[in-house]
């Protein structure tokens, strides 16, 4: 372990419990990411849904927010609050599958190997080849 990693673990006092994504429909967004990642649903109700990470890492949560509005991304200077990036074996195949699940592809792209897509709730996420 590097000195930096040792130093951080010695001084850290919290562990990541879960990443929660705000949205208008947690059931639908959990279904989208469950299919994208192949993760099982641990909990779902009209206000909140949780997907379990089968590798033992932190789960992914989805919480209903009244009046939710998607983050801007359609312009190069659009701000965002967060985004998720995923490694994929085949970028073209993964892009096609994500689009079939309900993702959309914005016109603006970074121009790198990362493909930016928009989930059904309007959050940007990236697909990158695992090379």
N, C-alpha and C. Protein backbone atom coordinates (compact mmCIF):
# COMPACT_ATOMS: atom_id res chain seq x y z
N UNK A 1 0.85 -1.17 0.00
CA UNK A 1 0.00 0.00 0.00
C UNK A 1 0.90 1.24 0.00
N UNK A 2 0.53 2.25 -0.77
CA UNK A 2 1.35 3.47 -0.83
C UNK A 2 1.27 4.23 0.47
N UNK A 3 2.24 5.12 0.69
CA UNK A 3 2.22 5.95 1.90
C UNK A 3 0.97 6.80 1.96
N UNK A 4 0.51 7.31 0.79
CA UNK A 4 -0.69 8.14 0.75
C UNK A 4 -1.92 7.32 1.16
N UNK A 5 -2.04 6.10 0.65
CA UNK A 5 -3.18 5.25 1.00
C UNK A 5 -3.15 4.91 2.49
N UNK A 6 -1.96 4.61 3.02
CA UNK A 6 -1.83 4.31 4.44
C UNK A 6 -2.22 5.53 5.27
N UNK A 7 -1.72 6.70 4.83
CA UNK A 7 -2.04 7.93 5.56
C UNK A 7 -3.54 8.20 5.56
N UNK A 8 -4.19 8.00 4.41
CA UNK A 8 -5.63 8.26 4.34
C UNK A 8 -6.41 7.29 5.20
N UNK A 9 -6.04 6.01 5.21
CA UNK A 9 -6.79 5.06 6.00
C UNK A 9 -6.58 5.30 7.49
N UNK A 10 -5.41 5.82 7.85
CA UNK A 10 -5.14 6.12 9.25
C UNK A 10 -5.93 7.34 9.73
N UNK A 11 -6.23 8.26 8.83
CA UNK A 11 -6.90 9.49 9.25
C UNK A 11 -8.38 9.51 8.92
N UNK A 12 -8.83 8.63 8.04
CA UNK A 12 -10.24 8.60 7.67
C UNK A 12 -11.09 8.10 8.82
N UNK A 13 -12.27 8.63 8.93
CA UNK A 13 -13.16 8.21 10.02
C UNK A 13 -14.54 7.83 9.51
N UNK A 14 -14.71 7.81 8.18
CA UNK A 14 -16.01 7.45 7.61
C UNK A 14 -15.80 6.52 6.43
N UNK A 15 -16.81 5.70 6.15
CA UNK A 15 -16.80 4.82 4.99
C UNK A 15 -18.04 5.13 4.15
N UNK A 16 -17.90 5.04 2.85
CA UNK A 16 -19.01 5.31 1.96
C UNK A 16 -20.09 4.26 2.19
N UNK A 17 -21.29 4.71 2.55
CA UNK A 17 -22.41 3.81 2.80
C UNK A 17 -23.19 3.55 1.52
N UNK A 18 -23.43 4.61 0.74
CA UNK A 18 -24.22 4.48 -0.47
C UNK A 18 -24.14 5.79 -1.24
N UNK A 19 -24.25 5.70 -2.56
CA UNK A 19 -24.43 6.86 -3.41
C UNK A 19 -25.92 6.89 -3.73
N UNK A 20 -26.56 8.04 -3.48
CA UNK A 20 -27.99 8.18 -3.74
C UNK A 20 -28.20 9.24 -4.81
N UNK A 21 -29.00 8.89 -5.81
CA UNK A 21 -29.27 9.77 -6.94
C UNK A 21 -30.68 10.31 -6.82
N UNK A 22 -30.82 11.63 -6.86
CA UNK A 22 -32.13 12.27 -6.84
C UNK A 22 -32.83 12.08 -8.18
N UNK A 23 -34.15 11.92 -8.14
CA UNK A 23 -34.91 11.73 -9.38
C UNK A 23 -36.39 11.90 -9.09
N UNK A 24 -37.20 11.91 -10.13
CA UNK A 24 -38.65 12.00 -9.99
C UNK A 24 -39.28 10.64 -9.77
N UNK A 25 -38.67 9.57 -10.31
CA UNK A 25 -39.25 8.23 -10.25
C UNK A 25 -38.17 7.22 -9.87
N UNK A 26 -37.98 6.96 -8.57
CA UNK A 26 -36.92 6.05 -8.15
C UNK A 26 -37.12 4.61 -8.64
N UNK A 27 -38.35 4.17 -8.79
CA UNK A 27 -38.61 2.81 -9.26
C UNK A 27 -38.09 2.65 -10.69
N UNK A 28 -38.43 3.59 -11.55
CA UNK A 28 -38.00 3.51 -12.96
C UNK A 28 -36.49 3.65 -13.09
N UNK A 29 -35.89 4.57 -12.34
CA UNK A 29 -34.45 4.77 -12.48
C UNK A 29 -33.67 3.59 -11.91
N UNK A 30 -34.15 2.99 -10.82
CA UNK A 30 -33.51 1.78 -10.29
C UNK A 30 -33.61 0.65 -11.30
N UNK A 31 -34.73 0.53 -11.99
CA UNK A 31 -34.88 -0.51 -13.01
C UNK A 31 -33.88 -0.29 -14.14
N UNK A 32 -33.71 0.97 -14.56
CA UNK A 32 -32.75 1.28 -15.62
C UNK A 32 -31.34 0.87 -15.23
N UNK A 33 -30.87 1.34 -14.06
CA UNK A 33 -29.51 1.03 -13.64
C UNK A 33 -29.35 -0.44 -13.24
N UNK A 34 -30.42 -1.07 -12.74
CA UNK A 34 -30.36 -2.49 -12.44
C UNK A 34 -30.08 -3.30 -13.70
N UNK A 35 -30.74 -2.95 -14.80
CA UNK A 35 -30.50 -3.63 -16.08
C UNK A 35 -29.12 -3.29 -16.63
N UNK A 36 -28.73 -2.02 -16.53
CA UNK A 36 -27.43 -1.59 -17.05
C UNK A 36 -26.29 -2.32 -16.35
N UNK A 37 -26.37 -2.45 -15.03
CA UNK A 37 -25.29 -3.03 -14.24
C UNK A 37 -25.47 -4.52 -13.92
N UNK A 38 -26.70 -5.02 -14.07
CA UNK A 38 -26.97 -6.39 -13.68
C UNK A 38 -27.05 -6.56 -12.17
N UNK A 39 -27.45 -5.50 -11.46
CA UNK A 39 -27.55 -5.52 -10.00
C UNK A 39 -28.98 -5.82 -9.58
N UNK A 40 -29.13 -6.48 -8.45
CA UNK A 40 -30.43 -6.84 -7.89
C UNK A 40 -30.98 -5.72 -7.01
N UNK A 41 -32.28 -5.62 -7.00
CA UNK A 41 -32.96 -4.63 -6.16
C UNK A 41 -33.06 -5.16 -4.73
N UNK A 42 -32.59 -4.36 -3.78
CA UNK A 42 -32.71 -4.72 -2.37
C UNK A 42 -34.01 -4.19 -1.80
N UNK A 43 -34.37 -2.97 -2.19
CA UNK A 43 -35.55 -2.31 -1.64
C UNK A 43 -36.15 -1.42 -2.73
N UNK A 44 -37.46 -1.35 -2.77
CA UNK A 44 -38.12 -0.43 -3.68
C UNK A 44 -39.48 -0.04 -3.11
N UNK A 45 -39.75 1.24 -3.11
CA UNK A 45 -41.08 1.76 -2.82
C UNK A 45 -41.22 3.05 -3.62
N UNK A 46 -42.32 3.73 -3.49
CA UNK A 46 -42.56 4.90 -4.35
C UNK A 46 -41.61 6.06 -4.06
N UNK A 47 -40.92 6.04 -2.91
CA UNK A 47 -40.04 7.14 -2.53
C UNK A 47 -38.55 6.83 -2.65
N UNK A 48 -38.20 5.55 -2.62
CA UNK A 48 -36.78 5.20 -2.58
C UNK A 48 -36.56 3.79 -3.11
N UNK A 49 -35.43 3.58 -3.78
CA UNK A 49 -35.05 2.25 -4.25
C UNK A 49 -33.55 2.08 -4.04
N UNK A 50 -33.13 0.84 -3.77
CA UNK A 50 -31.72 0.53 -3.54
C UNK A 50 -31.34 -0.68 -4.38
N UNK A 51 -30.21 -0.57 -5.09
CA UNK A 51 -29.62 -1.69 -5.80
C UNK A 51 -28.39 -2.16 -5.05
N UNK A 52 -28.27 -3.47 -4.83
CA UNK A 52 -27.10 -4.03 -4.16
C UNK A 52 -25.96 -4.24 -5.14
N UNK A 53 -24.76 -3.90 -4.70
CA UNK A 53 -23.55 -4.13 -5.48
C UNK A 53 -23.12 -5.58 -5.26
N UNK A 54 -23.18 -6.43 -6.28
CA UNK A 54 -22.84 -7.84 -6.08
C UNK A 54 -21.37 -8.08 -5.77
N UNK A 55 -20.53 -7.09 -5.98
CA UNK A 55 -19.10 -7.23 -5.68
C UNK A 55 -18.81 -6.84 -4.24
N UNK A 56 -19.86 -6.50 -3.48
CA UNK A 56 -19.68 -6.16 -2.08
C UNK A 56 -19.41 -4.69 -1.82
N UNK A 57 -19.34 -3.88 -2.86
CA UNK A 57 -19.12 -2.45 -2.67
C UNK A 57 -20.40 -1.74 -2.25
N UNK A 58 -20.33 -0.45 -2.20
CA UNK A 58 -21.47 0.35 -1.77
C UNK A 58 -22.64 0.20 -2.73
N UNK A 59 -23.86 0.16 -2.19
CA UNK A 59 -25.04 0.08 -3.05
C UNK A 59 -25.32 1.42 -3.73
N UNK A 60 -26.28 1.40 -4.62
CA UNK A 60 -26.71 2.59 -5.34
C UNK A 60 -28.17 2.83 -4.99
N UNK A 61 -28.46 4.06 -4.52
CA UNK A 61 -29.82 4.40 -4.12
C UNK A 61 -30.42 5.46 -5.03
N UNK A 62 -31.74 5.51 -5.05
CA UNK A 62 -32.49 6.46 -5.88
C UNK A 62 -33.61 7.02 -5.03
N UNK A 63 -33.61 8.35 -4.86
CA UNK A 63 -34.61 8.98 -4.01
C UNK A 63 -35.49 9.96 -4.75
N UNK A 64 -36.78 9.90 -4.48
CA UNK A 64 -37.75 10.81 -5.10
C UNK A 64 -37.56 12.22 -4.55
N UNK A 65 -37.52 13.18 -5.45
CA UNK A 65 -37.45 14.59 -5.10
C UNK A 65 -38.62 15.29 -5.79
N UNK A 66 -39.48 15.90 -5.00
CA UNK A 66 -40.61 16.63 -5.56
C UNK A 66 -40.09 17.81 -6.37
N UNK A 67 -40.60 17.97 -7.57
CA UNK A 67 -40.16 19.07 -8.43
C UNK A 67 -38.80 18.84 -9.06
N UNK A 68 -38.33 17.59 -9.08
CA UNK A 68 -37.02 17.28 -9.66
C UNK A 68 -36.92 17.81 -11.09
N UNK A 69 -35.78 18.42 -11.40
CA UNK A 69 -35.47 18.87 -12.76
C UNK A 69 -34.11 18.31 -13.15
N UNK A 70 -34.00 17.76 -14.35
CA UNK A 70 -32.71 17.21 -14.78
C UNK A 70 -31.62 18.27 -14.85
N UNK A 71 -30.40 17.79 -14.70
CA UNK A 71 -29.23 18.67 -14.81
C UNK A 71 -29.01 19.03 -16.27
N UNK A 72 -28.54 20.25 -16.55
CA UNK A 72 -28.26 20.59 -17.95
C UNK A 72 -27.01 19.86 -18.44
N UNK A 73 -27.05 19.37 -19.65
CA UNK A 73 -25.87 18.74 -20.22
C UNK A 73 -25.81 18.95 -21.72
N UNK A 74 -26.84 19.46 -22.31
CA UNK A 74 -26.90 19.52 -23.76
C UNK A 74 -25.93 20.53 -24.36
N UNK A 75 -25.36 21.40 -23.56
CA UNK A 75 -24.40 22.38 -24.05
C UNK A 75 -23.04 22.11 -23.41
N UNK A 76 -21.96 22.45 -24.10
CA UNK A 76 -20.62 22.20 -23.55
C UNK A 76 -20.39 22.86 -22.20
N UNK A 77 -21.05 23.99 -21.93
CA UNK A 77 -20.83 24.66 -20.66
C UNK A 77 -21.90 24.28 -19.62
N UNK A 78 -22.72 23.25 -19.91
CA UNK A 78 -23.74 22.82 -18.97
C UNK A 78 -23.11 22.28 -17.70
N UNK A 79 -23.63 22.69 -16.58
CA UNK A 79 -23.09 22.21 -15.31
C UNK A 79 -23.77 20.91 -14.94
N UNK A 80 -23.15 20.18 -14.04
CA UNK A 80 -23.74 18.96 -13.52
C UNK A 80 -23.33 18.83 -12.07
N UNK A 81 -24.13 18.13 -11.32
CA UNK A 81 -23.83 17.94 -9.90
C UNK A 81 -22.93 16.73 -9.69
N UNK A 82 -23.08 15.74 -10.51
CA UNK A 82 -22.29 14.52 -10.44
C UNK A 82 -22.50 13.77 -11.75
N UNK A 83 -21.69 12.76 -11.96
CA UNK A 83 -21.96 11.80 -13.01
C UNK A 83 -21.30 10.48 -12.65
N UNK A 84 -21.81 9.41 -13.20
CA UNK A 84 -21.26 8.09 -12.99
C UNK A 84 -20.53 7.66 -14.26
N UNK A 85 -19.41 6.99 -14.11
CA UNK A 85 -18.68 6.43 -15.24
C UNK A 85 -18.61 4.92 -15.05
N UNK A 86 -18.77 4.19 -16.14
CA UNK A 86 -18.75 2.73 -16.12
C UNK A 86 -17.78 2.20 -17.16
N UNK A 87 -17.01 1.18 -16.80
CA UNK A 87 -16.20 0.47 -17.77
C UNK A 87 -17.07 -0.54 -18.50
N UNK A 88 -16.82 -0.70 -19.80
CA UNK A 88 -17.54 -1.68 -20.61
C UNK A 88 -16.54 -2.43 -21.49
N UNK A 89 -16.89 -3.65 -21.87
CA UNK A 89 -16.01 -4.44 -22.73
C UNK A 89 -16.04 -3.94 -24.17
N UNK A 90 -17.22 -3.58 -24.66
CA UNK A 90 -17.39 -3.14 -26.05
C UNK A 90 -18.22 -1.86 -26.04
N UNK A 91 -17.60 -0.74 -26.37
CA UNK A 91 -18.26 0.56 -26.26
C UNK A 91 -19.49 0.66 -27.16
N UNK A 92 -19.39 0.23 -28.40
CA UNK A 92 -20.53 0.33 -29.32
C UNK A 92 -21.69 -0.55 -28.85
N UNK A 93 -21.39 -1.76 -28.42
CA UNK A 93 -22.43 -2.67 -27.95
C UNK A 93 -23.09 -2.14 -26.68
N UNK A 94 -22.27 -1.66 -25.74
CA UNK A 94 -22.81 -1.13 -24.49
C UNK A 94 -23.66 0.11 -24.74
N UNK A 95 -23.23 0.97 -25.66
CA UNK A 95 -24.00 2.16 -26.01
C UNK A 95 -25.36 1.76 -26.56
N UNK A 96 -25.38 0.81 -27.46
CA UNK A 96 -26.64 0.34 -28.06
C UNK A 96 -27.56 -0.24 -26.99
N UNK A 97 -27.01 -1.02 -26.07
CA UNK A 97 -27.83 -1.62 -25.01
C UNK A 97 -28.39 -0.55 -24.08
N UNK A 98 -27.57 0.43 -23.72
CA UNK A 98 -28.03 1.51 -22.84
C UNK A 98 -29.13 2.33 -23.52
N UNK A 99 -28.97 2.60 -24.80
CA UNK A 99 -30.00 3.33 -25.55
C UNK A 99 -31.30 2.52 -25.60
N UNK A 100 -31.19 1.21 -25.76
CA UNK A 100 -32.38 0.35 -25.78
C UNK A 100 -33.10 0.33 -24.43
N UNK A 101 -32.34 0.56 -23.34
CA UNK A 101 -32.94 0.61 -22.00
C UNK A 101 -33.63 1.95 -21.72
N UNK A 102 -33.38 2.95 -22.57
CA UNK A 102 -34.02 4.25 -22.37
C UNK A 102 -33.07 5.41 -22.21
N UNK A 103 -31.77 5.17 -22.28
CA UNK A 103 -30.81 6.28 -22.25
C UNK A 103 -30.92 7.05 -23.56
N UNK A 104 -30.42 8.26 -23.55
CA UNK A 104 -30.34 9.06 -24.77
C UNK A 104 -28.90 9.53 -24.94
N UNK A 105 -28.56 9.86 -26.18
CA UNK A 105 -27.21 10.30 -26.49
C UNK A 105 -27.24 11.79 -26.84
N UNK A 106 -26.62 12.63 -26.00
CA UNK A 106 -26.60 14.06 -26.33
C UNK A 106 -25.68 14.33 -27.51
N UNK A 107 -25.95 15.41 -28.20
CA UNK A 107 -25.11 15.77 -29.35
C UNK A 107 -23.70 16.11 -28.89
N UNK A 108 -23.58 16.84 -27.79
CA UNK A 108 -22.26 17.22 -27.30
C UNK A 108 -21.57 16.02 -26.65
N UNK A 109 -20.35 15.75 -27.04
CA UNK A 109 -19.50 14.72 -26.46
C UNK A 109 -18.14 15.35 -26.17
N UNK A 110 -17.43 14.76 -25.23
CA UNK A 110 -16.10 15.27 -24.89
C UNK A 110 -15.10 15.10 -26.01
N UNK A 111 -15.34 14.14 -26.90
CA UNK A 111 -14.39 13.89 -27.97
C UNK A 111 -13.31 12.90 -27.58
N UNK A 112 -13.39 12.35 -26.38
CA UNK A 112 -12.44 11.33 -25.94
C UNK A 112 -13.07 9.96 -26.14
N UNK A 113 -12.47 8.94 -25.57
CA UNK A 113 -13.02 7.59 -25.70
C UNK A 113 -14.25 7.38 -24.84
N UNK A 114 -14.50 8.26 -23.88
CA UNK A 114 -15.67 8.16 -23.02
C UNK A 114 -16.91 8.58 -23.81
N UNK A 115 -17.95 7.74 -23.80
CA UNK A 115 -19.22 8.07 -24.45
C UNK A 115 -20.17 8.56 -23.37
N UNK A 116 -20.66 9.78 -23.50
CA UNK A 116 -21.60 10.35 -22.54
C UNK A 116 -23.01 10.04 -23.01
N UNK A 117 -23.80 9.49 -22.10
CA UNK A 117 -25.22 9.25 -22.34
C UNK A 117 -26.01 9.90 -21.21
N UNK A 118 -27.31 10.01 -21.40
CA UNK A 118 -28.19 10.60 -20.40
C UNK A 118 -29.18 9.53 -19.95
N UNK A 119 -29.28 9.31 -18.63
CA UNK A 119 -30.22 8.30 -18.15
C UNK A 119 -31.65 8.82 -18.26
N UNK A 120 -32.65 7.98 -18.03
CA UNK A 120 -34.04 8.42 -18.21
C UNK A 120 -34.47 9.58 -17.31
N UNK A 121 -33.74 9.84 -16.22
CA UNK A 121 -34.07 10.96 -15.34
C UNK A 121 -33.31 12.23 -15.71
N UNK A 122 -32.43 12.15 -16.72
CA UNK A 122 -31.69 13.32 -17.17
C UNK A 122 -30.28 13.45 -16.64
N UNK A 123 -29.76 12.45 -15.91
CA UNK A 123 -28.40 12.50 -15.39
C UNK A 123 -27.41 12.01 -16.45
N UNK A 124 -26.32 12.71 -16.64
CA UNK A 124 -25.29 12.20 -17.54
C UNK A 124 -24.55 11.04 -16.90
N UNK A 125 -24.12 10.08 -17.72
CA UNK A 125 -23.23 9.02 -17.26
C UNK A 125 -22.32 8.66 -18.42
N UNK A 126 -21.18 8.09 -18.10
CA UNK A 126 -20.19 7.79 -19.13
C UNK A 126 -19.94 6.30 -19.25
N UNK A 127 -19.69 5.88 -20.48
CA UNK A 127 -19.26 4.52 -20.77
C UNK A 127 -17.85 4.60 -21.35
N UNK A 128 -16.94 3.82 -20.81
CA UNK A 128 -15.56 3.85 -21.28
C UNK A 128 -15.07 2.43 -21.50
N UNK A 129 -14.34 2.21 -22.61
CA UNK A 129 -13.83 0.87 -22.85
C UNK A 129 -12.81 0.47 -21.78
N UNK A 130 -12.89 -0.76 -21.37
CA UNK A 130 -11.94 -1.30 -20.39
C UNK A 130 -10.72 -1.79 -21.14
N UNK A 131 -9.71 -0.96 -21.23
CA UNK A 131 -8.50 -1.28 -22.00
C UNK A 131 -7.29 -1.11 -21.13
